[in-house]
Amino acid sequence: MQLKPATSSFTRPNLKLSQLPFWWLLKGISLVPFPVLYAFSTFLYLVLYRLIGYRKKVVRQNLERSFPGKSPAELQKIEKQFFLNLTDLIVESLKLISLTPAQLKERLVYKGHEKVEAQVATGNTVLMLGAHLGNWEYMSAASQIIFKAPVDGVYKPLASSFFDEFMKFMRGRFGINLVRMKDTLRHLIRHKAEHRIFTLLSDQVPPYGEIQYWTTFLHQDTPFYVGAEKLRTSFKFPAYFVGMRHLKRGYYEIEFQELLPAPTPEEPQEGFLLTDAFAQKLQAWVERYPADYLWSHKRWKHKKPNPELEA
């Protein structure tokens, strides 16, 4: 496969003059060799985990409730590996500023992508549902390296103007087209005649007032966004799950698995078939590769309403 060129190493995000010194600092860090960056990651792990205890209570509670059958020793092993994965994610993401397509590609193994390409070749736009697994920044950035078809990635703008521009630059260097969440419907209608791959991170927590779907996920009542469900129903998209796991430090495997084909007239019109299928597939992946999930996220901050108490 011919690799798509990344943006020039001399380009930069659209930043204010006052923000440039911080940008050049991050750019300089990105040029440091991987072994040095991983040494720094190990030091950062010791600081965050051992010294500061960054969100350790949240991580521990999430793990204990998600894996009630695991022993304290097993949970602690997952916890430690998660924190090291987290600091690796930080330095690896910075490295994306200067990484070439070939350098990123050599760190990834992927399978199941040919099934997605075959769907696009038959005239379908494919809906791709991802999660905070492995290094999801690598997964997003590499999409346009893995696939020949155009890839769109939905993103939510950040409050900080610097980090918003920084993340868009980092994620878009390899050709993926970034679409603001609020522009999703407009974008899909505009490109309805084209055959593309449309990607979303679908494990985020919806605001309490927007929750439309609850399910049992990792032994806990869990809300999920249903936007992907509505897109599949409205545009008749087939849907795939994308999982990611560590092979070894700095190297990952990405796997694409079918969730549901394009909806047919015979398919039930009620319910949340895609959201339920995604939740089940994600749970199976997390149970198999527990340290690769984002446990520091407050995934279960909302409590499911009790109809009896509200009556």
Protein backbone atom coordinates (compact mmCIF):
# COMPACT_ATOMS: atom_id res chain seq x y z
CA MET A 1 0.00 0.00 0.00
CA GLN A 2 1.28 3.45 -0.90
CA LEU A 3 1.45 5.56 2.23
CA LYS A 4 -0.26 8.93 2.21
CA PRO A 5 2.10 11.82 2.95
CA ALA A 6 1.91 13.52 6.30
CA THR A 7 1.94 17.26 6.56
CA SER A 8 5.37 18.79 6.30
CA SER A 9 7.46 18.82 9.46
CA PHE A 10 7.67 22.62 9.02
CA THR A 11 3.91 23.16 9.19
CA ARG A 12 2.22 23.96 12.45
CA PRO A 13 -1.28 24.49 13.86
CA ASN A 14 -3.05 27.80 13.38
CA LEU A 15 -1.89 29.40 16.63
CA LYS A 16 -1.69 32.84 18.15
CA LEU A 17 1.76 34.42 18.34
CA SER A 18 1.76 34.09 22.14
CA GLN A 19 1.14 30.33 21.83
CA LEU A 20 4.10 29.59 19.57
CA PRO A 21 6.75 29.12 22.30
CA PHE A 22 4.72 26.29 23.86
CA TRP A 23 4.18 24.77 20.41
CA TRP A 24 7.91 24.76 19.66
CA LEU A 25 8.57 23.18 23.06
CA LEU A 26 6.17 20.32 22.27
CA LYS A 27 7.59 20.05 18.75
CA GLY A 28 11.10 19.75 20.21
CA ILE A 29 9.97 17.02 22.62
CA SER A 30 8.43 15.12 19.70
CA LEU A 31 11.82 14.93 18.00
CA VAL A 32 13.35 13.07 20.96
CA PRO A 33 13.97 9.34 20.17
CA PHE A 34 11.43 6.82 21.42
CA PRO A 35 13.77 5.18 23.99
CA VAL A 36 14.30 8.53 25.70
CA LEU A 37 10.58 9.30 25.62
CA TYR A 38 9.77 5.94 27.20
CA ALA A 39 12.34 6.57 29.92
CA PHE A 40 10.56 9.84 30.62
CA SER A 41 7.21 8.01 30.55
CA THR A 42 8.44 5.61 33.23
CA PHE A 43 9.52 8.55 35.37
CA LEU A 44 6.14 10.23 34.81
CA TYR A 45 4.41 6.98 35.78
CA LEU A 46 6.27 6.96 39.09
CA VAL A 47 5.27 10.57 39.73
CA LEU A 48 1.60 10.19 38.77
CA TYR A 49 1.03 6.77 40.30
CA ARG A 50 3.42 6.54 43.23
CA LEU A 51 3.86 10.17 44.29
CA ILE A 52 0.69 12.07 43.30
CA GLY A 53 -1.76 9.18 43.02
CA TYR A 54 -3.50 10.81 40.05
CA ARG A 55 -7.13 9.60 40.01
CA LYS A 56 -6.02 6.41 41.72
CA LYS A 57 -9.25 6.27 43.72
CA VAL A 58 -11.33 6.54 40.52
CA VAL A 59 -9.28 3.87 38.75
CA ARG A 60 -9.40 1.50 41.69
CA GLN A 61 -13.14 1.88 42.16
CA ASN A 62 -13.80 1.39 38.43
CA LEU A 63 -11.69 -1.77 38.35
CA GLU A 64 -13.19 -3.26 41.52
CA ARG A 65 -16.74 -2.76 40.26
CA SER A 66 -15.98 -3.92 36.72
CA PHE A 67 -14.16 -7.11 37.77
CA PRO A 68 -15.77 -8.34 41.01
CA GLY A 69 -14.35 -11.81 40.45
CA LYS A 70 -10.69 -10.75 40.32
CA SER A 71 -8.41 -10.88 43.34
CA PRO A 72 -6.80 -7.73 44.84
CA ALA A 73 -3.45 -8.83 43.36
CA GLU A 74 -4.96 -9.19 39.88
CA LEU A 75 -6.62 -5.79 40.12
CA GLN A 76 -3.42 -4.13 41.29
CA LYS A 77 -1.51 -5.61 38.34
CA ILE A 78 -4.08 -4.16 35.92
CA GLU A 79 -3.98 -0.83 37.75
CA LYS A 80 -0.20 -0.50 37.51
CA GLN A 81 -0.12 -1.47 33.84
CA PHE A 82 -2.92 0.99 33.10
CA PHE A 83 -0.99 3.90 34.61
CA LEU A 84 2.11 3.02 32.62
CA ASN A 85 -0.01 2.77 29.48
CA LEU A 86 -1.44 6.21 30.30
CA THR A 87 1.94 7.91 30.53
CA ASP A 88 3.07 6.09 27.37
CA LEU A 89 -0.05 7.48 25.66
CA ILE A 90 1.06 11.01 26.57
CA VAL A 91 4.55 10.72 25.09
CA GLU A 92 3.39 8.70 22.07
CA SER A 93 0.78 11.33 21.28
CA LEU A 94 3.42 14.06 21.38
CA LYS A 95 5.52 11.96 19.03
CA LEU A 96 2.70 12.15 16.47
CA ILE A 97 3.73 15.76 15.80
CA SER A 98 6.82 14.62 13.89
CA LEU A 99 6.19 10.92 13.15
CA THR A 100 6.15 9.94 9.46
CA PRO A 101 3.45 7.66 8.01
CA ALA A 102 6.01 4.86 7.58
CA GLN A 103 7.15 5.18 11.19
CA LEU A 104 3.57 5.02 12.47
CA LYS A 105 2.68 2.11 10.19
CA GLU A 106 5.58 -0.01 11.42
CA ARG A 107 4.21 0.22 14.96
CA LEU A 108 0.80 -1.13 14.02
CA VAL A 109 -0.61 -4.50 13.03
CA TYR A 110 -4.18 -4.47 11.78
CA LYS A 111 -6.70 -7.04 10.65
CA GLY A 112 -10.27 -7.07 9.43
CA HIS A 113 -9.70 -3.85 7.46
CA GLU A 114 -10.19 -5.66 4.16
CA LYS A 115 -13.82 -6.38 5.12
CA VAL A 116 -14.42 -2.69 5.65
CA GLU A 117 -12.81 -1.81 2.32
CA ALA A 118 -15.00 -4.41 0.63
CA GLN A 119 -18.10 -2.75 2.07
CA VAL A 120 -17.01 0.64 0.74
CA ALA A 121 -16.21 -0.90 -2.65
CA THR A 122 -19.79 -2.18 -2.94
CA GLY A 123 -21.11 1.37 -2.49
CA ASN A 124 -21.59 1.67 1.26
CA THR A 125 -20.43 4.31 3.69
CA VAL A 126 -19.27 2.39 6.76
CA LEU A 127 -19.91 3.52 10.30
CA MET A 128 -16.92 2.78 12.56
CA LEU A 129 -17.39 2.76 16.35
CA GLY A 130 -14.24 3.03 18.45
CA ALA A 131 -13.47 3.45 22.14
CA HIS A 132 -10.72 4.66 24.45
CA LEU A 133 -8.59 1.55 23.95
CA GLY A 134 -4.81 1.26 23.57
CA ASN A 135 -3.58 4.49 22.00
CA TRP A 136 -6.73 5.84 20.38
CA GLU A 137 -4.76 8.82 19.04
CA TYR A 138 -2.64 6.41 16.98
CA MET A 139 -5.79 4.61 15.91
CA SER A 140 -7.41 7.83 14.71
CA ALA A 141 -4.29 9.19 13.02
CA ALA A 142 -3.55 5.88 11.27
CA SER A 143 -7.04 5.48 9.78
CA GLN A 144 -6.10 7.13 6.51
CA ILE A 145 -2.94 5.01 6.36
CA ILE A 146 -4.89 1.78 6.82
CA PHE A 147 -7.74 2.56 4.43
CA LYS A 148 -7.76 3.69 0.82
CA ALA A 149 -11.27 5.12 1.17
CA PRO A 150 -11.71 8.63 2.60
CA VAL A 151 -12.02 8.59 6.41
CA ASP A 152 -13.95 11.11 8.50
CA GLY A 153 -13.42 11.42 12.23
CA VAL A 154 -15.89 13.12 14.56
CA TYR A 155 -14.38 15.34 17.24
CA LYS A 156 -15.61 17.65 19.98
CA PRO A 157 -13.76 21.00 20.11
CA LEU A 158 -11.76 21.62 23.28
CA ALA A 159 -12.23 24.67 25.48
CA SER A 160 -8.55 25.64 25.17
CA SER A 161 -7.87 27.25 21.78
CA PHE A 162 -4.26 26.05 21.88
CA PHE A 163 -5.04 22.41 22.60
CA ASP A 164 -7.97 22.42 20.18
CA GLU A 165 -5.68 23.51 17.32
CA PHE A 166 -2.91 21.22 18.56
CA MET A 167 -5.13 18.13 18.64
CA LYS A 168 -6.64 18.87 15.21
CA PHE A 169 -3.14 19.23 13.75
CA MET A 170 -1.89 16.06 15.41
CA ARG A 171 -4.90 13.95 14.42
CA GLY A 172 -5.19 15.29 10.89
CA ARG A 173 -1.54 15.08 9.77
CA PHE A 174 -2.02 11.78 7.97
CA GLY A 175 -5.09 12.74 5.95
CA ILE A 176 -8.13 11.92 8.07
CA ASN A 177 -10.89 14.52 7.65
CA LEU A 178 -12.02 15.91 11.01
CA VAL A 179 -15.71 16.75 11.47
CA ARG A 180 -17.03 18.73 14.42
CA MET A 181 -19.68 16.81 16.33
CA LYS A 182 -22.33 19.47 15.73
CA ASP A 183 -21.62 19.34 11.97
CA THR A 184 -22.08 15.56 11.67
CA LEU A 185 -25.51 15.53 10.04
CA ARG A 186 -24.71 18.38 7.66
CA HIS A 187 -21.46 16.67 6.63
CA LEU A 188 -23.13 13.31 5.94
CA ILE A 189 -25.89 14.88 3.88
CA ARG A 190 -23.33 16.86 1.86
CA HIS A 191 -21.32 13.69 1.14
CA LYS A 192 -24.26 11.31 0.84
CA ALA A 193 -23.34 10.32 -2.71
CA GLU A 194 -19.77 9.42 -1.72
CA HIS A 195 -18.60 6.17 -0.15
CA ARG A 196 -16.54 6.81 2.96
CA ILE A 197 -15.63 5.55 6.42
CA PHE A 198 -17.18 7.56 9.24
CA THR A 199 -15.61 7.08 12.67
CA LEU A 200 -16.79 7.92 16.18
CA LEU A 201 -15.50 7.30 19.70
CA SER A 202 -18.69 5.85 21.14
CA ASP A 203 -17.85 5.05 24.76
CA GLN A 204 -17.99 8.62 26.09
CA VAL A 205 -20.43 9.64 28.82
CA PRO A 206 -23.49 11.56 27.58
CA PRO A 207 -24.68 14.54 29.66
CA TYR A 208 -27.30 13.39 32.14
CA GLY A 209 -30.10 15.29 30.42
CA GLU A 210 -29.29 13.67 27.06
CA ILE A 211 -29.26 10.03 28.18
CA GLN A 212 -31.63 7.88 26.10
CA TYR A 213 -30.14 4.44 26.66
CA TRP A 214 -28.95 2.47 29.69
CA THR A 215 -27.49 -1.02 29.72
CA THR A 216 -25.46 -3.26 32.01
CA PHE A 217 -21.83 -2.79 31.03
CA LEU A 218 -19.05 -4.36 33.11
CA HIS A 219 -21.55 -5.21 35.89
CA GLN A 220 -22.77 -1.60 36.18
CA ASP A 221 -25.69 0.47 34.94
CA THR A 222 -24.11 2.48 32.12
CA PRO A 223 -25.42 5.12 29.72
CA PHE A 224 -24.23 5.30 26.10
CA TYR A 225 -24.61 7.87 23.36
CA VAL A 226 -27.12 6.77 20.71
CA GLY A 227 -25.95 9.08 17.92
CA ALA A 228 -24.38 6.24 15.96
CA GLU A 229 -27.64 4.31 16.25
CA LYS A 230 -29.58 7.16 14.65
CA LEU A 231 -27.01 7.62 11.88
CA ARG A 232 -27.12 3.93 10.96
CA THR A 233 -30.92 3.94 10.87
CA SER A 234 -31.23 7.19 8.92
CA PHE A 235 -28.48 6.57 6.34
CA LYS A 236 -28.62 2.74 6.18
CA PHE A 237 -24.95 2.30 7.13
CA PRO A 238 -23.30 -1.01 8.04
CA ALA A 239 -21.42 -0.67 11.33
CA TYR A 240 -18.08 -1.99 12.60
CA PHE A 241 -16.31 -2.06 15.95
CA VAL A 242 -12.65 -1.15 16.14
CA GLY A 243 -10.60 -2.61 18.99
CA MET A 244 -7.00 -1.84 19.90
CA ARG A 245 -4.53 -3.55 22.21
CA HIS A 246 -0.86 -3.53 23.12
CA LEU A 247 1.43 -6.06 21.50
CA LYS A 248 4.40 -4.66 23.39
CA ARG A 249 5.44 -1.21 24.51
CA GLY A 250 4.85 1.21 21.65
CA TYR A 251 3.34 -1.41 19.32
CA TYR A 252 -0.34 -2.15 18.84
CA GLU A 253 -2.83 -4.38 17.09
CA ILE A 254 -6.00 -2.87 15.63
CA GLU A 255 -8.89 -5.16 14.76
CA PHE A 256 -12.07 -4.32 12.86
CA GLN A 257 -15.12 -6.48 13.66
CA GLU A 258 -18.58 -6.26 12.15
CA LEU A 259 -21.30 -5.11 14.53
CA LEU A 260 -24.35 -5.00 12.26
CA PRO A 261 -24.99 -4.94 8.51
CA ALA A 262 -26.94 -2.10 6.95
CA PRO A 263 -30.52 -2.13 8.31
CA THR A 264 -33.17 -3.90 6.26
CA PRO A 265 -36.96 -3.40 6.17
CA GLU A 266 -37.32 -6.59 8.22
CA GLU A 267 -35.17 -5.25 11.06
CA PRO A 268 -37.10 -4.21 14.20
CA GLN A 269 -37.73 -0.47 14.20
CA GLU A 270 -37.68 -0.13 17.98
CA GLY A 271 -34.83 -0.58 20.41
CA PHE A 272 -31.12 0.16 20.26
CA LEU A 273 -29.64 -2.75 18.32
CA LEU A 274 -26.38 -1.06 17.38
CA THR A 275 -25.73 0.56 20.76
CA ASP A 276 -26.37 -2.75 22.50
CA ALA A 277 -24.11 -4.63 20.07
CA PHE A 278 -21.35 -2.05 20.59
CA ALA A 279 -21.62 -2.24 24.39
CA GLN A 280 -21.38 -6.04 24.32
CA LYS A 281 -18.42 -6.05 21.92
CA LEU A 282 -16.59 -3.41 23.96
CA GLN A 283 -17.18 -5.30 27.19
CA ALA A 284 -15.77 -8.50 25.68
CA TRP A 285 -12.70 -6.59 24.48
CA VAL A 286 -12.12 -4.90 27.86
CA GLU A 287 -12.50 -8.16 29.72
CA ARG A 288 -9.87 -9.71 27.45
CA TYR A 289 -7.43 -6.75 27.53
CA PRO A 290 -8.33 -4.88 30.74
CA ALA A 291 -5.21 -2.69 31.08
CA ASP A 292 -5.83 -1.16 27.65
CA TYR A 293 -9.04 0.65 28.65
CA LEU A 294 -9.22 4.23 30.00
CA TRP A 295 -9.95 3.57 33.67
CA SER A 296 -9.20 7.09 34.91
CA HIS A 297 -12.31 8.37 33.13
CA LYS A 298 -15.37 8.88 35.35
CA ARG A 299 -17.41 6.54 33.18
CA TRP A 300 -20.02 5.80 35.85
CA LYS A 301 -20.62 9.26 37.31
CA HIS A 302 -24.34 9.16 36.42
CA LYS A 303 -26.78 6.96 38.32
CA LYS A 304 -29.67 5.28 36.57
CA PRO A 305 -33.01 6.75 37.69
CA ASN A 306 -35.22 4.57 39.83
CA PRO A 307 -38.80 4.80 38.48
CA GLU A 308 -40.24 3.71 41.83
CA LEU A 309 -38.55 6.57 43.65
CA GLU A 310 -39.64 9.07 41.00
CA ALA A 311 -43.26 7.92 41.07
